[in-house]
Amino acid sequence: MTDLGTDYSLIERRLKTGLDNLRGAILRQLQTPRGGLFYDPGYGFDLREAVNAPWNAQTRYQLETFAQAAVERDPRVLEAEVEARQIDLERIRLTIRGQTAAGPFALVIDATALTVEVLRADA
C-alpha cells in the first residue's frame, strides 16, 4: 500500500494519516492565498476570492482550471478533475475527483467569502 504521509493537525489536535492527511493538504492548498507561503510563491489558490466574482462560463472555467492545478500540485495526486458550481450568491461548491497511487478519492468543498469547508470526503 502506498503511504500518503502523516501530519499533525494543530486545529484538530491529532495525527492525520493516509487519505485524511491528503484531504487536509488539499483543503489548505485551496484556502491559502497564492504565494501565501514565503518559501513557496507558487503555493495556494484561495477559493474565497472567487466567491464574489461574477458567475459565468469563463469564471467557472478559470475556477475549475486553477483549482485542478492546485490539487495536482500535490505530488501524491496523479490526476484530478474539478467541477465548480455556484450554490447561491455567497457560496460556491467544488466537487473534486482524484487519483493517487493508493486509489481514488473524492471531495466536496463549499466556500464562502469567509470559510472553506469539506462537506464530504470519500476514498
PDB file of N, CA and C in Angstrom:
ATOM      1  N   MET A   1       0.837  -1.189   0.000  1.00  0.00           N
ATOM      2  CA  MET A   1       0.000   0.000   0.000  1.00  0.00           C
ATOM      3  C   MET A   1       0.877   1.246   0.000  1.00  0.00           C
ATOM      4  N   THR A   2       0.477   2.236  -0.727  1.00  0.00           N
ATOM      5  CA  THR A   2       1.215   3.479  -0.826  1.00  0.00           C
ATOM      6  C   THR A   2       0.970   4.344   0.406  1.00  0.00           C
ATOM      7  N   ASP A   3       2.023   4.939   0.928  1.00  0.00           N
ATOM      8  CA  ASP A   3       1.936   5.805   2.091  1.00  0.00           C
ATOM      9  C   ASP A   3       1.655   7.230   1.632  1.00  0.00           C
ATOM     10  N   LEU A   4       0.534   7.791   2.088  1.00  0.00           N
ATOM     11  CA  LEU A   4       0.183   9.166   1.745  1.00  0.00           C
ATOM     12  C   LEU A   4       0.619  10.153   2.817  1.00  0.00           C
ATOM     13  N   GLY A   5       1.411   9.696   3.755  1.00  0.00           N
ATOM     14  CA  GLY A   5       2.013  10.591   4.728  1.00  0.00           C
ATOM     15  C   GLY A   5       1.221  10.737   6.015  1.00  0.00           C
ATOM     16  N   THR A   6       1.878  11.359   6.973  1.00  0.00           N
ATOM     17  CA  THR A   6       1.305  11.629   8.285  1.00  0.00           C
ATOM     18  C   THR A   6       1.651  13.060   8.656  1.00  0.00           C
ATOM     19  N   ASP A   7       0.703  13.755   9.247  1.00  0.00           N
ATOM     20  CA  ASP A   7       0.935  15.127   9.674  1.00  0.00           C
ATOM     21  C   ASP A   7       0.109  15.365  10.932  1.00  0.00           C
ATOM     22  N   TYR A   8       0.515  16.350  11.701  1.00  0.00           N
ATOM     23  CA  TYR A   8      -0.215  16.702  12.903  1.00  0.00           C
ATOM     24  C   TYR A   8      -1.074  17.922  12.616  1.00  0.00           C
ATOM     25  N   SER A   9      -2.363  17.822  12.895  1.00  0.00           N
ATOM     26  CA  SER A   9      -3.283  18.942  12.716  1.00  0.00           C
ATOM     27  C   SER A   9      -3.342  19.745  14.004  1.00  0.00           C
ATOM     28  N   LEU A  10      -2.892  20.983  13.943  1.00  0.00           N
ATOM     29  CA  LEU A  10      -2.955  21.855  15.118  1.00  0.00           C
ATOM     30  C   LEU A  10      -4.394  22.228  15.456  1.00  0.00           C
ATOM     31  N   ILE A  11      -5.237  22.313  14.439  1.00  0.00           N
ATOM     32  CA  ILE A  11      -6.638  22.677  14.669  1.00  0.00           C
ATOM     33  C   ILE A  11      -7.376  21.536  15.346  1.00  0.00           C
ATOM     34  N   GLU A  12      -7.216  20.316  14.808  1.00  0.00           N
ATOM     35  CA  GLU A  12      -7.919  19.159  15.371  1.00  0.00           C
ATOM     36  C   GLU A  12      -7.146  18.500  16.513  1.00  0.00           C
ATOM     37  N   ARG A  13      -5.886  18.883  16.679  1.00  0.00           N
ATOM     38  CA  ARG A  13      -5.006  18.347  17.724  1.00  0.00           C
ATOM     39  C   ARG A  13      -4.926  16.815  17.671  1.00  0.00           C
ATOM     40  N   ARG A  14      -4.608  16.324  16.464  1.00  0.00           N
ATOM     41  CA  ARG A  14      -4.450  14.886  16.283  1.00  0.00           C
ATOM     42  C   ARG A  14      -3.607  14.612  15.052  1.00  0.00           C
ATOM     43  N   LEU A  15      -3.080  13.392  14.968  1.00  0.00           N
ATOM     44  CA  LEU A  15      -2.341  12.965  13.779  1.00  0.00           C
ATOM     45  C   LEU A  15      -3.325  12.616  12.673  1.00  0.00           C
ATOM     46  N   LYS A  16      -2.969  13.013  11.459  1.00  0.00           N
ATOM     47  CA  LYS A  16      -3.768  12.661  10.292  1.00  0.00           C
ATOM     48  C   LYS A  16      -2.886  11.820   9.381  1.00  0.00           C
ATOM     49  N   THR A  17      -3.414  10.697   8.913  1.00  0.00           N
ATOM     50  CA  THR A  17      -2.653   9.808   8.051  1.00  0.00           C
ATOM     51  C   THR A  17      -3.461   9.472   6.800  1.00  0.00           C
ATOM     52  N   GLY A  18      -2.777   8.916   5.810  1.00  0.00           N
ATOM     53  CA  GLY A  18      -3.425   8.418   4.602  1.00  0.00           C
ATOM     54  C   GLY A  18      -4.235   9.476   3.865  1.00  0.00           C
ATOM     55  N   LEU A  19      -5.421   9.064   3.395  1.00  0.00           N
ATOM     56  CA  LEU A  19      -6.270   9.979   2.637  1.00  0.00           C
ATOM     57  C   LEU A  19      -6.749  11.153   3.486  1.00  0.00           C
ATOM     58  N   ASP A  20      -6.912  10.945   4.777  1.00  0.00           N
ATOM     59  CA  ASP A  20      -7.297  12.031   5.680  1.00  0.00           C
ATOM     60  C   ASP A  20      -6.231  13.132   5.647  1.00  0.00           C
ATOM     61  N   ASN A  21      -4.978  12.732   5.651  1.00  0.00           N
ATOM     62  CA  ASN A  21      -3.869  13.679   5.575  1.00  0.00           C
ATOM     63  C   ASN A  21      -3.868  14.410   4.226  1.00  0.00           C
ATOM     64  N   LEU A  22      -4.072  13.659   3.143  1.00  0.00           N
ATOM     65  CA  LEU A  22      -4.107  14.271   1.814  1.00  0.00           C
ATOM     66  C   LEU A  22      -5.255  15.264   1.694  1.00  0.00           C
ATOM     67  N   ARG A  23      -6.427  14.891   2.195  1.00  0.00           N
ATOM     68  CA  ARG A  23      -7.579  15.804   2.142  1.00  0.00           C
ATOM     69  C   ARG A  23      -7.273  17.107   2.875  1.00  0.00           C
ATOM     70  N   GLY A  24      -6.611  17.015   4.023  1.00  0.00           N
ATOM     71  CA  GLY A  24      -6.238  18.221   4.764  1.00  0.00           C
ATOM     72  C   GLY A  24      -5.274  19.091   3.982  1.00  0.00           C
ATOM     73  N   ALA A  25      -4.322  18.461   3.293  1.00  0.00           N
ATOM     74  CA  ALA A  25      -3.356  19.216   2.486  1.00  0.00           C
ATOM     75  C   ALA A  25      -4.048  19.914   1.319  1.00  0.00           C
ATOM     76  N   ILE A  26      -4.998  19.236   0.695  1.00  0.00           N
ATOM     77  CA  ILE A  26      -5.733  19.846  -0.419  1.00  0.00           C
ATOM     78  C   ILE A  26      -6.566  21.014   0.084  1.00  0.00           C
ATOM     79  N   LEU A  27      -7.224  20.839   1.221  1.00  0.00           N
ATOM     80  CA  LEU A  27      -8.024  21.929   1.783  1.00  0.00           C
ATOM     81  C   LEU A  27      -7.149  23.145   2.084  1.00  0.00           C
ATOM     82  N   ARG A  28      -5.969  22.930   2.670  1.00  0.00           N
ATOM     83  CA  ARG A  28      -5.054  24.052   2.949  1.00  0.00           C
ATOM     84  C   ARG A  28      -4.625  24.734   1.649  1.00  0.00           C
ATOM     85  N   GLN A  29      -4.345  23.940   0.624  1.00  0.00           N
ATOM     86  CA  GLN A  29      -3.944  24.491  -0.676  1.00  0.00           C
ATOM     87  C   GLN A  29      -5.045  25.393  -1.248  1.00  0.00           C
ATOM     88  N   LEU A  30      -6.317  25.021  -1.029  1.00  0.00           N
ATOM     89  CA  LEU A  30      -7.444  25.749  -1.600  1.00  0.00           C
ATOM     90  C   LEU A  30      -7.974  26.874  -0.719  1.00  0.00           C
ATOM     91  N   GLN A  31      -7.303  27.131   0.390  1.00  0.00           N
ATOM     92  CA  GLN A  31      -7.712  28.280   1.215  1.00  0.00           C
ATOM     93  C   GLN A  31      -6.534  29.173   1.576  1.00  0.00           C
ATOM     94  N   THR A  32      -5.416  28.952   0.904  1.00  0.00           N
ATOM     95  CA  THR A  32      -4.231  29.783   1.121  1.00  0.00           C
ATOM     96  C   THR A  32      -4.079  30.728  -0.073  1.00  0.00           C
ATOM     97  N   PRO A  33      -3.975  32.025   0.160  1.00  0.00           N
ATOM     98  CA  PRO A  33      -3.763  32.950  -0.964  1.00  0.00           C
ATOM     99  C   PRO A  33      -2.496  32.582  -1.738  1.00  0.00           C
ATOM    100  N   ARG A  34      -2.555  32.744  -3.041  1.00  0.00           N
ATOM    101  CA  ARG A  34      -1.400  32.442  -3.906  1.00  0.00           C
ATOM    102  C   ARG A  34      -0.177  33.162  -3.355  1.00  0.00           C
ATOM    103  N   GLY A  35       0.904  32.405  -3.160  1.00  0.00           N
ATOM    104  CA  GLY A  35       2.128  32.973  -2.606  1.00  0.00           C
ATOM    105  C   GLY A  35       2.086  33.159  -1.108  1.00  0.00           C
ATOM    106  N   GLY A  36       1.102  32.557  -0.441  1.00  0.00           N
ATOM    107  CA  GLY A  36       0.930  32.731   0.999  1.00  0.00           C
ATOM    108  C   GLY A  36       2.014  32.080   1.842  1.00  0.00           C
ATOM    109  N   LEU A  37       2.814  31.206   1.248  1.00  0.00           N
ATOM    110  CA  LEU A  37       3.951  30.634   1.951  1.00  0.00           C
ATOM    111  C   LEU A  37       5.211  31.336   1.461  1.00  0.00           C
ATOM    112  N   PHE A  38       5.953  31.956   2.359  1.00  0.00           N
ATOM    113  CA  PHE A  38       7.113  32.751   1.955  1.00  0.00           C
ATOM    114  C   PHE A  38       8.153  31.918   1.210  1.00  0.00           C
ATOM    115  N   TYR A  39       8.216  30.623   1.489  1.00  0.00           N
ATOM    116  CA  TYR A  39       9.231  29.776   0.858  1.00  0.00           C
ATOM    117  C   TYR A  39       8.731  29.080  -0.408  1.00  0.00           C
ATOM    118  N   ASP A  40       7.454  29.295  -0.784  1.00  0.00           N
ATOM    119  CA  ASP A  40       6.898  28.662  -1.977  1.00  0.00           C
ATOM    120  C   ASP A  40       5.906  29.615  -2.631  1.00  0.00           C
ATOM    121  N   PRO A  41       6.374  30.527  -3.476  1.00  0.00           N
ATOM    122  CA  PRO A  41       5.495  31.546  -4.043  1.00  0.00           C
ATOM    123  C   PRO A  41       4.406  30.998  -4.970  1.00  0.00           C
ATOM    124  N   GLY A  42       4.538  29.768  -5.428  1.00  0.00           N
ATOM    125  CA  GLY A  42       3.515  29.181  -6.288  1.00  0.00           C
ATOM    126  C   GLY A  42       2.418  28.444  -5.542  1.00  0.00           C
ATOM    127  N   TYR A  43       2.555  28.351  -4.211  1.00  0.00           N
ATOM    128  CA  TYR A  43       1.596  27.591  -3.407  1.00  0.00           C
ATOM    129  C   TYR A  43       0.313  28.382  -3.219  1.00  0.00           C
ATOM    130  N   GLY A  44      -0.807  27.686  -3.280  1.00  0.00           N
ATOM    131  CA  GLY A  44      -2.082  28.258  -2.876  1.00  0.00           C
ATOM    132  C   GLY A  44      -2.975  28.712  -4.007  1.00  0.00           C
ATOM    133  N   PHE A  45      -4.260  28.587  -3.735  1.00  0.00           N
ATOM    134  CA  PHE A  45      -5.322  29.140  -4.575  1.00  0.00           C
ATOM    135  C   PHE A  45      -6.501  29.335  -3.641  1.00  0.00           C
ATOM    136  N   ASP A  46      -6.787  30.562  -3.278  1.00  0.00           N
ATOM    137  CA  ASP A  46      -7.804  30.852  -2.271  1.00  0.00           C
ATOM    138  C   ASP A  46      -9.193  30.911  -2.906  1.00  0.00           C
ATOM    139  N   LEU A  47      -9.984  29.877  -2.669  1.00  0.00           N
ATOM    140  CA  LEU A  47     -11.341  29.816  -3.209  1.00  0.00           C
ATOM    141  C   LEU A  47     -12.201  30.986  -2.757  1.00  0.00           C
ATOM    142  N   ARG A  48     -11.932  31.502  -1.569  1.00  0.00           N
ATOM    143  CA  ARG A  48     -12.753  32.594  -1.035  1.00  0.00           C
ATOM    144  C   ARG A  48     -12.721  33.826  -1.932  1.00  0.00           C
ATOM    145  N   GLU A  49     -11.626  33.995  -2.677  1.00  0.00           N
ATOM    146  CA  GLU A  49     -11.517  35.145  -3.573  1.00  0.00           C
ATOM    147  C   GLU A  49     -12.437  35.012  -4.786  1.00  0.00           C
ATOM    148  N   ALA A  50     -12.848  33.794  -5.111  1.00  0.00           N
ATOM    149  CA  ALA A  50     -13.694  33.560  -6.277  1.00  0.00           C
ATOM    150  C   ALA A  50     -15.185  33.680  -5.960  1.00  0.00           C
ATOM    151  N   VAL A  51     -15.535  33.693  -4.697  1.00  0.00           N
ATOM    152  CA  VAL A  51     -16.947  33.660  -4.309  1.00  0.00           C
ATOM    153  C   VAL A  51     -17.722  34.864  -4.833  1.00  0.00           C
ATOM    154  N   ASN A  52     -17.168  36.046  -4.742  1.00  0.00           N
ATOM    155  CA  ASN A  52     -17.900  37.249  -5.142  1.00  0.00           C
ATOM    156  C   ASN A  52     -17.661  37.662  -6.589  1.00  0.00           C
ATOM    157  N   ALA A  53     -16.941  36.850  -7.338  1.00  0.00           N
ATOM    158  CA  ALA A  53     -16.716  37.149  -8.757  1.00  0.00           C
ATOM    159  C   ALA A  53     -18.021  36.942  -9.525  1.00  0.00           C
ATOM    160  N   PRO A  54     -18.233  37.703 -10.603  1.00  0.00           N
ATOM    161  CA  PRO A  54     -19.438  37.480 -11.410  1.00  0.00           C
ATOM    162  C   PRO A  54     -19.426  36.046 -11.954  1.00  0.00           C
ATOM    163  N   TRP A  55     -20.523  35.324 -11.819  1.00  0.00           N
ATOM    164  CA  TRP A  55     -20.563  33.915 -12.214  1.00  0.00           C
ATOM    165  C   TRP A  55     -20.997  33.791 -13.668  1.00  0.00           C
ATOM    166  N   ASN A  56     -20.106  33.263 -14.473  1.00  0.00           N
ATOM    167  CA  ASN A  56     -20.405  32.988 -15.875  1.00  0.00           C
ATOM    168  C   ASN A  56     -19.527  31.822 -16.324  1.00  0.00           C
ATOM    169  N   ALA A  57     -19.614  31.446 -17.583  1.00  0.00           N
ATOM    170  CA  ALA A  57     -18.856  30.294 -18.090  1.00  0.00           C
ATOM    171  C   ALA A  57     -17.347  30.495 -17.940  1.00  0.00           C
ATOM    172  N   GLN A  58     -16.880  31.711 -18.171  1.00  0.00           N
ATOM    173  CA  GLN A  58     -15.441  31.976 -18.059  1.00  0.00           C
ATOM    174  C   GLN A  58     -14.970  31.868 -16.609  1.00  0.00           C
ATOM    175  N   THR A  59     -15.738  32.426 -15.684  1.00  0.00           N
ATOM    176  CA  THR A  59     -15.389  32.333 -14.263  1.00  0.00           C
ATOM    177  C   THR A  59     -15.340  30.875 -13.827  1.00  0.00           C
ATOM    178  N   ARG A  60     -16.353  30.113 -14.243  1.00  0.00           N
ATOM    179  CA  ARG A  60     -16.401  28.696 -13.871  1.00  0.00           C
ATOM    180  C   ARG A  60     -15.187  27.945 -14.432  1.00  0.00           C
ATOM    181  N   TYR A  61     -14.868  28.176 -15.693  1.00  0.00           N
ATOM    182  CA  TYR A  61     -13.722  27.514 -16.318  1.00  0.00           C
ATOM    183  C   TYR A  61     -12.423  27.863 -15.594  1.00  0.00           C
ATOM    184  N   GLN A  62     -12.221  29.145 -15.308  1.00  0.00           N
ATOM    185  CA  GLN A  62     -10.999  29.562 -14.617  1.00  0.00           C
ATOM    186  C   GLN A  62     -10.909  28.948 -13.224  1.00  0.00           C
ATOM    187  N   LEU A  63     -12.014  28.940 -12.500  1.00  0.00           N
ATOM    188  CA  LEU A  63     -12.036  28.357 -11.160  1.00  0.00           C
ATOM    189  C   LEU A  63     -11.692  26.872 -11.218  1.00  0.00           C
ATOM    190  N   GLU A  64     -12.310  26.148 -12.136  1.00  0.00           N
ATOM    191  CA  GLU A  64     -12.031  24.717 -12.269  1.00  0.00           C
ATOM    192  C   GLU A  64     -10.573  24.469 -12.666  1.00  0.00           C
ATOM    193  N   THR A  65     -10.073  25.256 -13.599  1.00  0.00           N
ATOM    194  CA  THR A  65      -8.696  25.088 -14.068  1.00  0.00           C
ATOM    195  C   THR A  65      -7.680  25.387 -12.973  1.00  0.00           C
ATOM    196  N   PHE A  66      -7.854  26.513 -12.271  1.00  0.00           N
ATOM    197  CA  PHE A  66      -6.912  26.891 -11.216  1.00  0.00           C
ATOM    198  C   PHE A  66      -6.982  25.920 -10.035  1.00  0.00           C
ATOM    199  N   ALA A  67      -8.193  25.497  -9.664  1.00  0.00           N
ATOM    200  CA  ALA A  67      -8.339  24.558  -8.555  1.00  0.00           C
ATOM    201  C   ALA A  67      -7.727  23.205  -8.925  1.00  0.00           C
ATOM    202  N   GLN A  68      -7.941  22.750 -10.139  1.00  0.00           N
ATOM    203  CA  GLN A  68      -7.350  21.484 -10.580  1.00  0.00           C
ATOM    204  C   GLN A  68      -5.826  21.553 -10.528  1.00  0.00           C
ATOM    205  N   ALA A  69      -5.266  22.656 -10.997  1.00  0.00           N
ATOM    206  CA  ALA A  69      -3.805  22.818 -10.963  1.00  0.00           C
ATOM    207  C   ALA A  69      -3.299  22.816  -9.523  1.00  0.00           C
ATOM    208  N   ALA A  70      -4.036  23.452  -8.618  1.00  0.00           N
ATOM    209  CA  ALA A  70      -3.623  23.489  -7.213  1.00  0.00           C
ATOM    210  C   ALA A  70      -3.660  22.093  -6.600  1.00  0.00           C
ATOM    211  N   VAL A  71      -4.702  21.325  -6.891  1.00  0.00           N
ATOM    212  CA  VAL A  71      -4.811  19.966  -6.346  1.00  0.00           C
ATOM    213  C   VAL A  71      -3.709  19.084  -6.926  1.00  0.00           C
ATOM    214  N   GLU A  72      -3.484  19.178  -8.233  1.00  0.00           N
ATOM    215  CA  GLU A  72      -2.475  18.336  -8.882  1.00  0.00           C
ATOM    216  C   GLU A  72      -1.047  18.763  -8.537  1.00  0.00           C
ATOM    217  N   ARG A  73      -0.896  19.909  -7.922  1.00  0.00           N
ATOM    218  CA  ARG A  73       0.428  20.357  -7.490  1.00  0.00           C
ATOM    219  C   ARG A  73       0.970  19.472  -6.373  1.00  0.00           C
ATOM    220  N   ASP A  74       0.071  18.834  -5.638  1.00  0.00           N
ATOM    221  CA  ASP A  74       0.489  17.895  -4.594  1.00  0.00           C
ATOM    222  C   ASP A  74       1.045  16.648  -5.279  1.00  0.00           C
ATOM    223  N   PRO A  75       2.279  16.267  -4.984  1.00  0.00           N
ATOM    224  CA  PRO A  75       2.901  15.135  -5.685  1.00  0.00           C
ATOM    225  C   PRO A  75       2.210  13.794  -5.442  1.00  0.00           C
ATOM    226  N   ARG A  76       1.360  13.707  -4.431  1.00  0.00           N
ATOM    227  CA  ARG A  76       0.634  12.456  -4.174  1.00  0.00           C
ATOM    228  C   ARG A  76      -0.559  12.283  -5.101  1.00  0.00           C
ATOM    229  N   VAL A  77      -0.991  13.375  -5.731  1.00  0.00           N
ATOM    230  CA  VAL A  77      -2.148  13.337  -6.626  1.00  0.00           C
ATOM    231  C   VAL A  77      -1.652  13.104  -8.053  1.00  0.00           C
ATOM    232  N   LEU A  78      -2.089  11.996  -8.638  1.00  0.00           N
ATOM    233  CA  LEU A  78      -1.685  11.663 -10.004  1.00  0.00           C
ATOM    234  C   LEU A  78      -2.496  12.454 -11.024  1.00  0.00           C
ATOM    235  N   GLU A  79      -3.784  12.592 -10.768  1.00  0.00           N
ATOM    236  CA  GLU A  79      -4.654  13.398 -11.625  1.00  0.00           C
ATOM    237  C   GLU A  79      -5.892  13.788 -10.834  1.00  0.00           C
ATOM    238  N   ALA A  80      -6.512  14.870 -11.278  1.00  0.00           N
ATOM    239  CA  ALA A  80      -7.719  15.348 -10.606  1.00  0.00           C
ATOM    240  C   ALA A  80      -8.664  15.956 -11.624  1.00  0.00           C
ATOM    241  N   GLU A  81      -9.932  15.887 -11.288  1.00  0.00           N
ATOM    242  CA  GLU A  81     -10.978  16.519 -12.088  1.00  0.00           C
ATOM    243  C   GLU A  81     -11.794  17.373 -11.132  1.00  0.00           C
ATOM    244  N   VAL A  82     -12.050  18.615 -11.510  1.00  0.00           N
ATOM    245  CA  VAL A  82     -12.757  19.539 -10.632  1.00  0.00           C
ATOM    246  C   VAL A  82     -13.984  20.079 -11.353  1.00  0.00           C
ATOM    247  N   GLU A  83     -15.108  20.065 -10.649  1.00  0.00           N
ATOM    248  CA  GLU A  83     -16.338  20.656 -11.166  1.00  0.00           C
ATOM    249  C   GLU A  83     -16.768  21.749 -10.188  1.00  0.00           C
ATOM    250  N   ALA A  84     -17.030  22.935 -10.699  1.00  0.00           N
ATOM    251  CA  ALA A  84     -17.430  24.059  -9.852  1.00  0.00           C
ATOM    252  C   ALA A  84     -18.855  24.481 -10.194  1.00  0.00           C
ATOM    253  N   ARG A  85     -19.585  24.898  -9.159  1.00  0.00           N
ATOM    254  CA  ARG A  85     -20.902  25.481  -9.402  1.00  0.00           C
ATOM    255  C   ARG A  85     -21.222  26.486  -8.313  1.00  0.00           C
ATOM    256  N   GLN A  86     -22.026  27.435  -8.690  1.00  0.00           N
ATOM    257  CA  GLN A  86     -22.451  28.457  -7.740  1.00  0.00           C
ATOM    258  C   GLN A  86     -23.719  27.962  -7.057  1.00  0.00           C
ATOM    259  N   ILE A  87     -23.696  27.881  -5.746  1.00  0.00           N
ATOM    260  CA  ILE A  87     -24.855  27.424  -4.979  1.00  0.00           C
ATOM    261  C   ILE A  87     -25.829  28.579  -4.786  1.00  0.00           C
ATOM    262  N   ASP A  88     -25.324  29.717  -4.389  1.00  0.00           N
ATOM    263  CA  ASP A  88     -26.101  30.946  -4.293  1.00  0.00           C
ATOM    264  C   ASP A  88     -25.114  32.104  -4.446  1.00  0.00           C
ATOM    265  N   LEU A  89     -25.558  33.317  -4.262  1.00  0.00           N
ATOM    266  CA  LEU A  89     -24.684  34.465  -4.500  1.00  0.00           C
ATOM    267  C   LEU A  89     -23.506  34.540  -3.541  1.00  0.00           C
ATOM    268  N   GLU A  90     -23.561  33.787  -2.459  1.00  0.00           N
ATOM    269  CA  GLU A  90     -22.499  33.863  -1.453  1.00  0.00           C
ATOM    270  C   GLU A  90     -21.756  32.546  -1.246  1.00  0.00           C
ATOM    271  N   ARG A  91     -21.976  31.558  -2.131  1.00  0.00           N
ATOM    272  CA  ARG A  91     -21.357  30.254  -1.901  1.00  0.00           C
ATOM    273  C   ARG A  91     -21.118  29.524  -3.219  1.00  0.00           C
ATOM    274  N   ILE A  92     -19.912  28.943  -3.319  1.00  0.00           N
ATOM    275  CA  ILE A  92     -19.588  28.084  -4.454  1.00  0.00           C
ATOM    276  C   ILE A  92     -19.229  26.700  -3.919  1.00  0.00           C
ATOM    277  N   ARG A  93     -19.401  25.696  -4.779  1.00  0.00           N
ATOM    278  CA  ARG A  93     -19.100  24.316  -4.382  1.00  0.00           C
ATOM    279  C   ARG A  93     -18.191  23.686  -5.422  1.00  0.00           C
ATOM    280  N   LEU A  94     -17.135  23.038  -4.926  1.00  0.00           N
ATOM    281  CA  LEU A  94     -16.239  22.276  -5.793  1.00  0.00           C
ATOM    282  C   LEU A  94     -16.425  20.798  -5.497  1.00  0.00           C
ATOM    283  N   THR A  95     -16.536  20.023  -6.558  1.00  0.00           N
ATOM    284  CA  THR A  95     -16.506  18.573  -6.454  1.00  0.00           C
ATOM    285  C   THR A  95     -15.201  18.139  -7.095  1.00  0.00           C
ATOM    286  N   ILE A  96     -14.378  17.473  -6.308  1.00  0.00           N
ATOM    287  CA  ILE A  96     -13.043  17.059  -6.770  1.00  0.00           C
ATOM    288  C   ILE A  96     -12.996  15.538  -6.771  1.00  0.00           C
ATOM    289  N   ARG A  97     -12.630  14.987  -7.909  1.00  0.00           N
ATOM    290  CA  ARG A  97     -12.384  13.546  -8.012  1.00  0.00           C
ATOM    291  C   ARG A  97     -10.931  13.384  -8.416  1.00  0.00           C
ATOM    292  N   GLY A  98     -10.194  12.605  -7.646  1.00  0.00           N
ATOM    293  CA  GLY A  98      -8.773  12.469  -7.929  1.00  0.00           C
ATOM    294  C   GLY A  98      -8.300  11.038  -7.824  1.00  0.00           C
ATOM    295  N   GLN A  99      -7.069  10.860  -8.239  1.00  0.00           N
ATOM    296  CA  GLN A  99      -6.444   9.545  -8.212  1.00  0.00           C
ATOM    297  C   GLN A  99      -5.065   9.680  -7.591  1.00  0.00           C
ATOM    298  N   THR A 100      -4.760   8.776  -6.649  1.00  0.00           N
ATOM    299  CA  THR A 100      -3.430   8.672  -6.065  1.00  0.00           C
ATOM    300  C   THR A 100      -2.931   7.252  -6.328  1.00  0.00           C
ATOM    301  N   ALA A 101      -1.693   6.984  -5.997  1.00  0.00           N
ATOM    302  CA  ALA A 101      -1.171   5.629  -6.122  1.00  0.00           C
ATOM    303  C   ALA A 101      -1.907   4.674  -5.182  1.00  0.00           C
ATOM    304  N   ALA A 102      -2.518   5.205  -4.132  1.00  0.00           N
ATOM    305  CA  ALA A 102      -3.269   4.387  -3.177  1.00  0.00           C
ATOM    306  C   ALA A 102      -4.715   4.174  -3.618  1.00  0.00           C
ATOM    307  N   GLY A 103      -5.155   4.851  -4.669  1.00  0.00           N
ATOM    308  CA  GLY A 103      -6.523   4.692  -5.155  1.00  0.00           C
ATOM    309  C   GLY A 103      -7.228   6.027  -5.338  1.00  0.00           C
ATOM    310  N   PRO A 104      -8.502   5.966  -5.696  1.00  0.00           N
ATOM    311  CA  PRO A 104      -9.269   7.188  -5.959  1.00  0.00           C
ATOM    312  C   PRO A 104      -9.724   7.867  -4.665  1.00  0.00           C
ATOM    313  N   PHE A 105     -10.046   9.143  -4.792  1.00  0.00           N
ATOM    314  CA  PHE A 105     -10.631   9.892  -3.683  1.00  0.00           C
ATOM    315  C   PHE A 105     -11.587  10.922  -4.258  1.00  0.00           C
ATOM    316  N   ALA A 106     -12.487  11.407  -3.416  1.00  0.00           N
ATOM    317  CA  ALA A 106     -13.430  12.449  -3.821  1.00  0.00           C
ATOM    318  C   ALA A 106     -13.623  13.410  -2.660  1.00  0.00           C
ATOM    319  N   LEU A 107     -13.783  14.677  -2.997  1.00  0.00           N
ATOM    320  CA  LEU A 107     -14.035  15.730  -2.006  1.00  0.00           C
ATOM    321  C   LEU A 107     -15.125  16.638  -2.527  1.00  0.00           C
ATOM    322  N   VAL A 108     -15.989  17.080  -1.642  1.00  0.00           N
ATOM    323  CA  VAL A 108     -16.940  18.138  -1.954  1.00  0.00           C
ATOM    324  C   VAL A 108     -16.644  19.263  -0.984  1.00  0.00           C
ATOM    325  N   ILE A 109     -16.332  20.432  -1.542  1.00  0.00           N
ATOM    326  CA  ILE A 109     -15.899  21.575  -0.735  1.00  0.00           C
ATOM    327  C   ILE A 109     -16.792  22.767  -1.014  1.00  0.00           C
ATOM    328  N   ASP A 110     -17.270  23.415   0.030  1.00  0.00           N
ATOM    329  CA  ASP A 110     -18.024  24.659  -0.088  1.00  0.00           C
ATOM    330  C   ASP A 110     -17.134  25.816   0.347  1.00  0.00           C
ATOM    331  N   ALA A 111     -17.275  26.930  -0.348  1.00  0.00           N
ATOM    332  CA  ALA A 111     -16.526  28.133   0.007  1.00  0.00           C
ATOM    333  C   ALA A 111     -17.465  29.326   0.055  1.00  0.00           C
ATOM    334  N   THR A 112     -17.297  30.128   1.089  1.00  0.00           N
ATOM    335  CA  THR A 112     -17.948  31.430   1.183  1.00  0.00           C
ATOM    336  C   THR A 112     -16.829  32.459   1.231  1.00  0.00           C
ATOM    337  N   ALA A 113     -17.178  33.714   1.364  1.00  0.00           N
ATOM    338  CA  ALA A 113     -16.151  34.753   1.442  1.00  0.00           C
ATOM    339  C   ALA A 113     -15.290  34.590   2.698  1.00  0.00           C
ATOM    340  N   LEU A 114     -15.792  33.865   3.705  1.00  0.00           N
ATOM    341  CA  LEU A 114     -15.064  33.713   4.963  1.00  0.00           C
ATOM    342  C   LEU A 114     -14.527  32.315   5.223  1.00  0.00           C
ATOM    343  N   THR A 115     -15.156  31.280   4.685  1.00  0.00           N
ATOM    344  CA  THR A 115     -14.788  29.912   5.040  1.00  0.00           C
ATOM    345  C   THR A 115     -14.608  29.004   3.832  1.00  0.00           C
ATOM    346  N   VAL A 116     -13.826  27.968   4.039  1.00  0.00           N
ATOM    347  CA  VAL A 116     -13.688  26.865   3.088  1.00  0.00           C
ATOM    348  C   VAL A 116     -13.829  25.604   3.934  1.00  0.00           C
ATOM    349  N   GLU A 117     -14.805  24.755   3.608  1.00  0.00           N
ATOM    350  CA  GLU A 117     -15.033  23.564   4.420  1.00  0.00           C
ATOM    351  C   GLU A 117     -15.341  22.347   3.571  1.00  0.00           C
ATOM    352  N   VAL A 118     -14.936  21.203   4.066  1.00  0.00           N
ATOM    353  CA  VAL A 118     -15.205  19.928   3.396  1.00  0.00           C
ATOM    354  C   VAL A 118     -16.589  19.471   3.817  1.00  0.00           C
ATOM    355  N   LEU A 119     -17.470  19.245   2.841  1.00  0.00           N
ATOM    356  CA  LEU A 119     -18.800  18.725   3.125  1.00  0.00           C
ATOM    357  C   LEU A 119     -18.815  17.205   3.093  1.00  0.00           C
ATOM    358  N   ARG A 120     -18.018  16.642   2.174  1.00  0.00           N
ATOM    359  CA  ARG A 120     -17.978  15.192   2.049  1.00  0.00           C
ATOM    360  C   ARG A 120     -16.603  14.774   1.572  1.00  0.00           C
ATOM    361  N   ALA A 121     -16.115  13.674   2.103  1.00  0.00           N
ATOM    362  CA  ALA A 121     -14.826  13.134   1.694  1.00  0.00           C
ATOM    363  C   ALA A 121     -14.966  11.622   1.582  1.00  0.00           C
ATOM    364  N   ASP A 122     -14.665  11.095   0.397  1.00  0.00           N
ATOM    365  CA  ASP A 122     -14.767   9.657   0.155  1.00  0.00           C
ATOM    366  C   ASP A 122     -13.449   9.119  -0.367  1.00  0.00           C
ATOM    367  N   ALA A 123     -13.182   7.875  -0.009  1.00  0.00           N
ATOM    368  CA  ALA A 123     -11.982   7.205  -0.538  1.00  0.00           C
ATOM    369  C   ALA A 123     -12.374   6.406  -1.753  1.00  0.00           C
TER     370      ALA A 123
END
